[in-house]
Amino acid sequence: MKEIEAGGEDHVLIQVAEVYDLALSVLTAAGLSQTQARPVARVIADCERDECRSHGLLRLPGCVSTAQHSKFVRDAEPVLENVTPAVVRVDARNGYSLAAFEQGLPVLEQKAKALGVAVLAINNCFHFSALWPEIEAICTRNLVGLAMTPSHSWVAPAGATRPIFGTNPLAFGWPRTGRQPYVFDFATSVMARSDIAMAKLKGTSIPEGCGVDIDGNPSTDPARVLEGAMWSFGGHKGAAIATMIELLAGPLIGDLTSSESMAYDGGERAAPFHGELVIALDPKLLGNGQDELNQARAEQLFAGFTDQSARLPSERRYAARARSDTQGVHVPKSLYNRILAIAETGVDPRDKL
């Protein structure tokens, strides 16, 4: 560990492997089994490595807090069910979604490569993480991936003031020969809730049009928007996509909507509790016997971005990944010390404030 100063704030420089070890030690100290702790620690390290810091170590205290939720099962062992040749279901049994995804992925791959398309339904899971790590894992198996989840009911349709659905992320990935996959992962709200929370921590405002305060007045104060309601992006179009995700990753797979997730929480402020829908498609089986031509078509489309110096989604993360793998990651010293205190005492120092 090395201490440095960056952006006017003291940081520590640590290696990606140390991020994983630190996260794992905190999670196991909080009582999580290895089944639950390892995939969570891996995703936190991956996000920190890729400079997706809102889902990196910053999320670790919240993961510990969620583990204390009265309905969270810290040693949950997911249960897999082969529903049909095209459908696999994994019951997370009130643990984190990541352990369930890890168990379901090999079966999802097998089914998709046998039939061309397969569905993984994850039920009864607490969910805090970005979806792109799961999509990348699907793409490394030469499959196209699509994933979505509801969350807590924090978001109102643009122009409204009452939250009815969640930030409802949607992620997609396309495998590329000899290259990192094309991946996007975004919330259907104007801003991700984690980004608004980061703005609150930094004491900065957020752009206009992100949401309203508790009285329904538009606000650029992140604290007021977090108390009130966020807005969906793109007006009625974003609201329609968010509604689709509510239905596909909720009632379609027999799980909760964002409003039901909020009610299930009971005011304990844990991570959302709901389901997740993951779809995998095999381009070899679906590509009409034109693998090389189809790959060339896709690359021509991507070149339409790069030839104009436009950035493809996920390129920023891949560049950050290359830096982090050689140089390590910069973690704010205040956050690092906070996490060390949680690892030692099992209590978040901020809970004492």
Protein backbone atom coordinates (compact mmCIF):
# COMPACT_ATOMS: atom_id res chain seq x y z
CA MET A 1 0.00 0.00 0.00
CA LYS A 2 1.23 3.45 -0.92
CA GLU A 3 -0.25 6.79 0.14
CA ILE A 4 -0.63 9.48 -2.52
CA GLU A 5 -2.54 12.70 -3.08
CA ALA A 6 -4.95 13.04 -6.00
CA GLY A 7 -7.57 15.68 -6.67
CA GLY A 8 -6.91 17.38 -3.36
CA GLU A 9 -7.68 14.23 -1.38
CA ASP A 10 -5.39 11.65 0.18
CA HIS A 11 -5.55 8.23 -1.49
CA VAL A 12 -3.94 4.86 -0.99
CA LEU A 13 -2.61 2.89 -3.95
CA ILE A 14 -3.31 -0.84 -3.79
CA GLN A 15 -3.30 -3.69 -6.27
CA VAL A 16 -6.49 -5.21 -7.68
CA ALA A 17 -5.82 -8.49 -5.88
CA GLU A 18 -5.64 -6.57 -2.60
CA VAL A 19 -9.06 -5.05 -3.30
CA TYR A 20 -10.47 -8.55 -3.62
CA ASP A 21 -8.72 -9.75 -0.45
CA LEU A 22 -9.91 -6.70 1.49
CA ALA A 23 -13.50 -7.08 0.33
CA LEU A 24 -13.49 -10.80 1.06
CA SER A 25 -12.12 -10.28 4.58
CA VAL A 26 -14.80 -7.68 5.35
CA LEU A 27 -17.63 -9.83 4.00
CA THR A 28 -16.54 -12.98 5.81
CA ALA A 29 -16.07 -10.97 9.02
CA ALA A 30 -19.68 -9.86 8.55
CA GLY A 31 -20.73 -13.50 8.60
CA LEU A 32 -21.10 -14.28 4.89
CA SER A 33 -20.23 -17.78 3.81
CA GLN A 34 -17.60 -18.32 1.13
CA THR A 35 -20.41 -19.11 -1.34
CA GLN A 36 -21.86 -15.65 -0.76
CA ALA A 37 -18.71 -13.63 -0.11
CA ARG A 38 -16.44 -14.68 -2.99
CA PRO A 39 -18.56 -13.58 -5.96
CA VAL A 40 -19.43 -10.30 -4.22
CA ALA A 41 -15.76 -9.59 -3.48
CA ARG A 42 -14.85 -10.46 -7.08
CA VAL A 43 -17.38 -8.04 -8.57
CA ILE A 44 -16.35 -5.27 -6.17
CA ALA A 45 -12.72 -5.76 -7.20
CA ASP A 46 -13.67 -5.85 -10.88
CA CYS A 47 -15.62 -2.60 -10.59
CA GLU A 48 -12.81 -0.89 -8.68
CA ARG A 49 -10.35 -2.11 -11.32
CA ASP A 50 -12.49 -0.71 -14.14
CA GLU A 51 -12.95 2.61 -12.29
CA CYS A 52 -16.67 1.99 -11.86
CA ARG A 53 -16.22 3.23 -8.33
CA SER A 54 -19.88 3.65 -7.50
CA HIS A 55 -20.07 -0.17 -7.56
CA GLY A 56 -16.60 -0.85 -6.15
CA LEU A 57 -15.33 -0.51 -2.58
CA LEU A 58 -17.82 2.29 -2.01
CA ARG A 59 -20.53 -0.39 -2.03
CA LEU A 60 -18.82 -2.60 0.53
CA PRO A 61 -20.25 -0.92 3.67
CA GLY A 62 -23.71 -1.24 2.14
CA CYS A 63 -23.11 -4.93 1.45
CA VAL A 64 -22.26 -5.42 5.12
CA SER A 65 -25.37 -3.49 6.12
CA THR A 66 -27.53 -5.63 3.81
CA ALA A 67 -26.03 -8.74 5.37
CA GLN A 68 -27.52 -7.60 8.68
CA HIS A 69 -31.03 -7.39 7.19
CA SER A 70 -33.48 -9.55 9.10
CA LYS A 71 -34.40 -11.47 5.93
CA PHE A 72 -30.91 -11.88 4.45
CA VAL A 73 -29.44 -15.39 4.70
CA ARG A 74 -25.68 -15.06 5.08
CA ASP A 75 -24.93 -18.72 4.35
CA ALA A 76 -27.53 -19.18 1.60
CA GLU A 77 -26.82 -21.96 -0.88
CA PRO A 78 -28.59 -21.31 -4.20
CA VAL A 79 -30.81 -24.09 -5.53
CA LEU A 80 -30.83 -24.78 -9.28
CA GLU A 81 -33.82 -26.16 -11.17
CA ASN A 82 -33.78 -27.33 -14.78
CA VAL A 83 -37.23 -26.12 -15.79
CA THR A 84 -37.13 -26.96 -19.52
CA PRO A 85 -34.41 -27.55 -22.12
CA ALA A 86 -34.34 -23.74 -22.60
CA VAL A 87 -34.97 -22.50 -19.05
CA VAL A 88 -32.93 -22.74 -15.88
CA ARG A 89 -34.07 -21.24 -12.60
CA VAL A 90 -31.90 -20.55 -9.57
CA ASP A 91 -33.42 -19.73 -6.20
CA ALA A 92 -30.94 -17.46 -4.42
CA ARG A 93 -32.66 -18.31 -1.11
CA ASN A 94 -32.43 -14.77 0.20
CA GLY A 95 -28.73 -14.38 -0.49
CA TYR A 96 -26.97 -12.20 -3.05
CA SER A 97 -27.80 -12.61 -6.74
CA LEU A 98 -24.16 -13.17 -7.69
CA ALA A 99 -23.87 -16.60 -6.09
CA ALA A 100 -27.03 -17.67 -7.93
CA PHE A 101 -25.73 -16.34 -11.25
CA GLU A 102 -22.41 -18.13 -10.73
CA GLN A 103 -24.23 -21.42 -10.25
CA GLY A 104 -26.63 -20.91 -13.16
CA LEU A 105 -24.15 -19.69 -15.78
CA PRO A 106 -22.69 -23.06 -16.89
CA VAL A 107 -26.18 -24.49 -17.35
CA LEU A 108 -27.32 -21.36 -19.19
CA GLU A 109 -24.34 -21.75 -21.55
CA GLN A 110 -25.07 -25.41 -22.17
CA LYS A 111 -28.73 -24.74 -22.97
CA ALA A 112 -28.03 -21.75 -25.22
CA LYS A 113 -25.48 -23.68 -27.27
CA ALA A 114 -27.88 -26.59 -27.61
CA LEU A 115 -30.96 -24.59 -28.61
CA GLY A 116 -29.72 -21.16 -29.74
CA VAL A 117 -31.41 -19.30 -26.90
CA ALA A 118 -31.79 -19.92 -23.17
CA VAL A 119 -33.16 -18.09 -20.15
CA LEU A 120 -31.83 -17.91 -16.59
CA ALA A 121 -34.36 -16.76 -14.01
CA ILE A 122 -32.89 -15.81 -10.63
CA ASN A 123 -35.41 -15.56 -7.80
CA ASN A 124 -35.38 -14.36 -4.19
CA CYS A 125 -32.12 -12.42 -4.39
CA PHE A 126 -30.68 -9.29 -2.86
CA HIS A 127 -29.05 -7.28 -5.66
CA PHE A 128 -26.50 -4.47 -5.38
CA SER A 129 -24.14 -4.97 -8.31
CA ALA A 130 -23.65 -3.73 -11.84
CA LEU A 131 -24.81 -6.13 -14.55
CA TRP A 132 -21.84 -5.81 -16.91
CA PRO A 133 -19.66 -8.38 -15.08
CA GLU A 134 -22.36 -10.98 -15.71
CA ILE A 135 -22.72 -9.95 -19.34
CA GLU A 136 -18.95 -10.13 -19.87
CA ALA A 137 -18.95 -13.64 -18.40
CA ILE A 138 -21.60 -14.65 -20.94
CA CYS A 139 -19.68 -13.06 -23.82
CA THR A 140 -16.47 -14.90 -22.91
CA ARG A 141 -18.44 -18.06 -23.71
CA ASN A 142 -19.07 -16.70 -27.22
CA LEU A 143 -22.69 -15.97 -26.44
CA VAL A 144 -24.72 -12.79 -26.77
CA GLY A 145 -26.11 -11.70 -23.40
CA LEU A 146 -28.99 -9.61 -22.08
CA ALA A 147 -29.76 -9.00 -18.39
CA MET A 148 -32.19 -6.86 -16.43
CA THR A 149 -33.54 -6.35 -12.92
CA PRO A 150 -35.99 -4.12 -11.09
CA SER A 151 -34.81 -2.46 -7.85
CA HIS A 152 -36.55 -0.35 -5.18
CA SER A 153 -39.31 2.05 -6.22
CA TRP A 154 -37.21 5.21 -6.36
CA VAL A 155 -38.15 6.42 -9.85
CA ALA A 156 -41.16 8.29 -11.20
CA PRO A 157 -41.96 8.61 -14.90
CA ALA A 158 -40.65 11.92 -16.25
CA GLY A 159 -43.15 14.62 -15.39
CA ALA A 160 -44.56 12.69 -12.42
CA THR A 161 -43.63 12.95 -8.74
CA ARG A 162 -44.52 9.58 -7.20
CA PRO A 163 -42.03 6.69 -7.51
CA ILE A 164 -43.48 3.55 -9.06
CA PHE A 165 -40.51 1.66 -10.46
CA GLY A 166 -36.79 1.26 -9.89
CA THR A 167 -33.64 2.40 -11.62
CA ASN A 168 -34.15 -0.87 -13.53
CA PRO A 169 -30.79 -1.47 -15.22
CA LEU A 170 -30.48 -3.11 -18.61
CA ALA A 171 -27.26 -4.66 -19.92
CA PHE A 172 -26.32 -6.21 -23.27
CA GLY A 173 -23.16 -7.79 -24.62
CA TRP A 174 -21.86 -8.94 -28.02
CA PRO A 175 -18.74 -11.17 -28.23
CA ARG A 176 -15.97 -10.04 -30.60
CA THR A 177 -13.23 -12.24 -32.02
CA GLY A 178 -9.83 -11.20 -30.65
CA ARG A 179 -11.31 -8.15 -28.87
CA GLN A 180 -13.06 -7.29 -25.66
CA PRO A 181 -16.83 -7.66 -26.07
CA TYR A 182 -19.16 -4.80 -26.84
CA VAL A 183 -21.08 -4.23 -23.59
CA PHE A 184 -23.47 -1.60 -22.34
CA ASP A 185 -25.04 -1.39 -18.90
CA PHE A 186 -27.22 1.53 -17.88
CA ALA A 187 -29.98 2.50 -15.52
CA THR A 188 -33.28 3.57 -17.02
CA SER A 189 -33.33 6.57 -14.70
CA VAL A 190 -31.69 9.82 -15.85
CA MET A 191 -28.84 9.11 -13.43
CA ALA A 192 -27.91 5.95 -11.61
CA ARG A 193 -28.86 6.19 -7.95
CA SER A 194 -25.28 5.36 -6.98
CA ASP A 195 -24.05 8.39 -8.97
CA ILE A 196 -26.54 10.66 -7.20
CA ALA A 197 -25.36 9.24 -3.86
CA MET A 198 -21.74 9.94 -4.86
CA ALA A 199 -22.68 13.54 -5.70
CA LYS A 200 -24.23 13.84 -2.24
CA LEU A 201 -21.02 12.55 -0.62
CA LYS A 202 -18.93 15.01 -2.63
CA GLY A 203 -21.27 17.90 -1.91
CA THR A 204 -21.87 18.60 -5.61
CA SER A 205 -25.10 19.27 -7.45
CA ILE A 206 -26.62 17.05 -10.13
CA PRO A 207 -27.89 18.15 -13.57
CA GLU A 208 -31.37 19.53 -13.97
CA GLY A 209 -34.04 17.04 -14.92
CA CYS A 210 -32.84 14.16 -12.74
CA GLY A 211 -35.69 14.25 -10.27
CA VAL A 212 -37.79 16.06 -7.70
CA ASP A 213 -37.72 16.69 -3.96
CA ILE A 214 -40.19 15.28 -1.45
CA ASP A 215 -42.67 18.04 -2.34
CA GLY A 216 -42.51 17.29 -6.07
CA ASN A 217 -40.36 20.28 -6.98
CA PRO A 218 -37.54 19.74 -9.52
CA SER A 219 -34.18 19.86 -7.76
CA THR A 220 -30.45 19.67 -8.47
CA ASP A 221 -29.69 18.86 -4.82
CA PRO A 222 -28.78 15.14 -4.71
CA ALA A 223 -29.93 14.79 -1.10
CA ARG A 224 -33.37 16.20 -1.95
CA VAL A 225 -33.75 13.98 -5.01
CA LEU A 226 -32.75 10.91 -2.99
CA GLU A 227 -35.50 11.80 -0.53
CA GLY A 228 -38.02 12.56 -3.26
CA ALA A 229 -38.12 10.80 -6.62
CA MET A 230 -35.74 10.22 -9.50
CA TRP A 231 -36.94 10.49 -13.09
CA SER A 232 -36.68 8.03 -15.94
CA PHE A 233 -34.53 9.08 -18.90
CA GLY A 234 -36.02 10.09 -22.23
CA GLY A 235 -39.47 10.96 -20.95
CA HIS A 236 -42.13 8.38 -21.80
CA LYS A 237 -39.60 6.26 -23.73
CA GLY A 238 -37.44 5.60 -20.68
CA ALA A 239 -40.53 4.96 -18.58
CA ALA A 240 -41.71 2.39 -21.13
CA ILE A 241 -38.38 0.56 -21.01
CA ALA A 242 -38.42 0.63 -17.20
CA THR A 243 -41.94 -0.78 -17.20
CA MET A 244 -40.87 -3.55 -19.57
CA ILE A 245 -38.04 -4.49 -17.19
CA GLU A 246 -40.44 -4.48 -14.22
CA LEU A 247 -42.64 -6.98 -16.08
CA LEU A 248 -39.93 -9.21 -17.56
CA ALA A 249 -37.78 -9.45 -14.43
CA GLY A 250 -40.77 -9.41 -12.06
CA PRO A 251 -44.14 -11.00 -12.81
CA LEU A 252 -42.83 -12.95 -15.83
CA ILE A 253 -40.41 -14.94 -13.65
CA GLY A 254 -42.61 -14.99 -10.56
CA ASP A 255 -40.83 -12.33 -8.55
CA LEU A 256 -41.30 -8.89 -7.00
CA THR A 257 -41.74 -5.50 -8.60
CA SER A 258 -39.74 -2.52 -7.36
CA SER A 259 -42.66 -1.34 -5.20
CA GLU A 260 -42.95 -4.79 -3.65
CA SER A 261 -39.19 -4.83 -3.06
CA MET A 262 -39.43 -1.55 -1.18
CA ALA A 263 -42.25 -2.91 0.95
CA TYR A 264 -40.30 -6.13 1.59
CA ASP A 265 -37.38 -4.07 2.91
CA GLY A 266 -39.55 -2.79 5.73
CA GLY A 267 -37.49 0.35 6.20
CA GLU A 268 -34.21 -1.50 6.90
CA ARG A 269 -32.52 0.20 3.91
CA ALA A 270 -30.93 -2.93 2.51
CA ALA A 271 -30.16 -3.66 -1.14
CA PRO A 272 -33.26 -4.30 -3.26
CA PHE A 273 -34.81 -7.78 -3.08
CA HIS A 274 -36.33 -9.17 -6.27
CA GLY A 275 -35.50 -11.33 -9.30
CA GLU A 276 -33.21 -11.09 -12.31
CA LEU A 277 -33.74 -12.18 -15.90
CA VAL A 278 -30.73 -13.25 -17.98
CA ILE A 279 -30.98 -14.29 -21.63
CA ALA A 280 -28.19 -15.91 -23.65
CA LEU A 281 -28.19 -16.38 -27.43
CA ASP A 282 -25.77 -18.38 -29.55
CA PRO A 283 -24.73 -16.50 -32.72
CA LYS A 284 -23.43 -19.72 -34.28
CA LEU A 285 -26.80 -21.46 -34.13
CA LEU A 286 -28.82 -18.36 -34.99
CA GLY A 287 -26.48 -16.93 -37.64
CA ASN A 288 -27.76 -18.87 -40.65
CA GLY A 289 -24.36 -20.51 -41.21
CA GLN A 290 -22.64 -17.17 -41.89
CA ASP A 291 -20.33 -16.81 -38.90
CA GLU A 292 -17.53 -14.88 -40.59
CA LEU A 293 -19.88 -12.64 -42.54
CA ASN A 294 -21.95 -11.87 -39.45
CA GLN A 295 -18.85 -11.01 -37.45
CA ALA A 296 -17.73 -8.71 -40.27
CA ARG A 297 -21.14 -7.03 -40.27
CA ALA A 298 -20.89 -6.40 -36.56
CA GLU A 299 -17.35 -5.03 -36.82
CA GLN A 300 -18.44 -2.72 -39.64
CA LEU A 301 -21.12 -1.35 -37.34
CA PHE A 302 -18.60 -0.78 -34.54
CA ALA A 303 -16.22 0.87 -37.00
CA GLY A 304 -18.94 3.43 -37.64
CA PHE A 305 -18.19 4.64 -34.12
CA THR A 306 -14.43 4.42 -34.05
CA ASP A 307 -13.89 5.84 -37.55
CA GLN A 308 -15.50 9.02 -36.29
CA SER A 309 -13.54 8.99 -33.01
CA ALA A 310 -16.72 8.18 -31.11
CA ARG A 311 -16.37 5.96 -28.04
CA LEU A 312 -17.97 2.54 -27.98
CA PRO A 313 -19.67 1.66 -24.71
CA SER A 314 -17.29 -0.13 -22.31
CA GLU A 315 -14.09 1.18 -24.00
CA ARG A 316 -13.47 3.52 -21.07
CA ARG A 317 -13.69 0.57 -18.68
CA TYR A 318 -11.28 -1.52 -20.72
CA ALA A 319 -8.73 1.32 -20.77
CA ALA A 320 -9.10 1.70 -16.99
CA ARG A 321 -8.68 -2.05 -16.59
CA ALA A 322 -5.37 -2.01 -18.43
CA ARG A 323 -4.11 0.82 -16.21
CA SER A 324 -5.27 -0.78 -12.99
CA ASP A 325 -3.77 -4.16 -13.81
CA THR A 326 -0.33 -2.56 -14.13
CA GLN A 327 -0.53 0.43 -11.79
CA GLY A 328 -3.06 -0.58 -9.13
CA VAL A 329 -6.10 1.41 -8.02
CA HIS A 330 -6.45 4.67 -6.11
CA VAL A 331 -8.79 4.43 -3.13
CA PRO A 332 -9.71 7.51 -1.06
CA LYS A 333 -7.95 7.16 2.27
CA SER A 334 -11.12 8.02 4.18
CA LEU A 335 -12.97 5.14 2.48
CA TYR A 336 -10.03 2.78 2.95
CA ASN A 337 -9.83 3.54 6.68
CA ARG A 338 -13.59 3.18 7.00
CA ILE A 339 -13.43 -0.29 5.45
CA LEU A 340 -10.50 -1.30 7.66
CA ALA A 341 -12.54 -0.26 10.70
CA ILE A 342 -15.49 -2.37 9.55
CA ALA A 343 -13.17 -5.35 9.02
CA GLU A 344 -11.75 -4.96 12.52
CA THR A 345 -14.85 -4.10 14.53
CA GLY A 346 -17.74 -5.26 12.34
CA VAL A 347 -19.26 -1.79 12.74
CA ASP A 348 -19.32 1.04 10.21
CA PRO A 349 -17.84 4.17 11.87
CA ARG A 350 -20.51 6.23 10.14
CA ASP A 351 -23.19 4.38 12.12
CA LYS A 352 -21.82 6.05 15.23
CA LEU A 353 -22.27 9.56 13.81
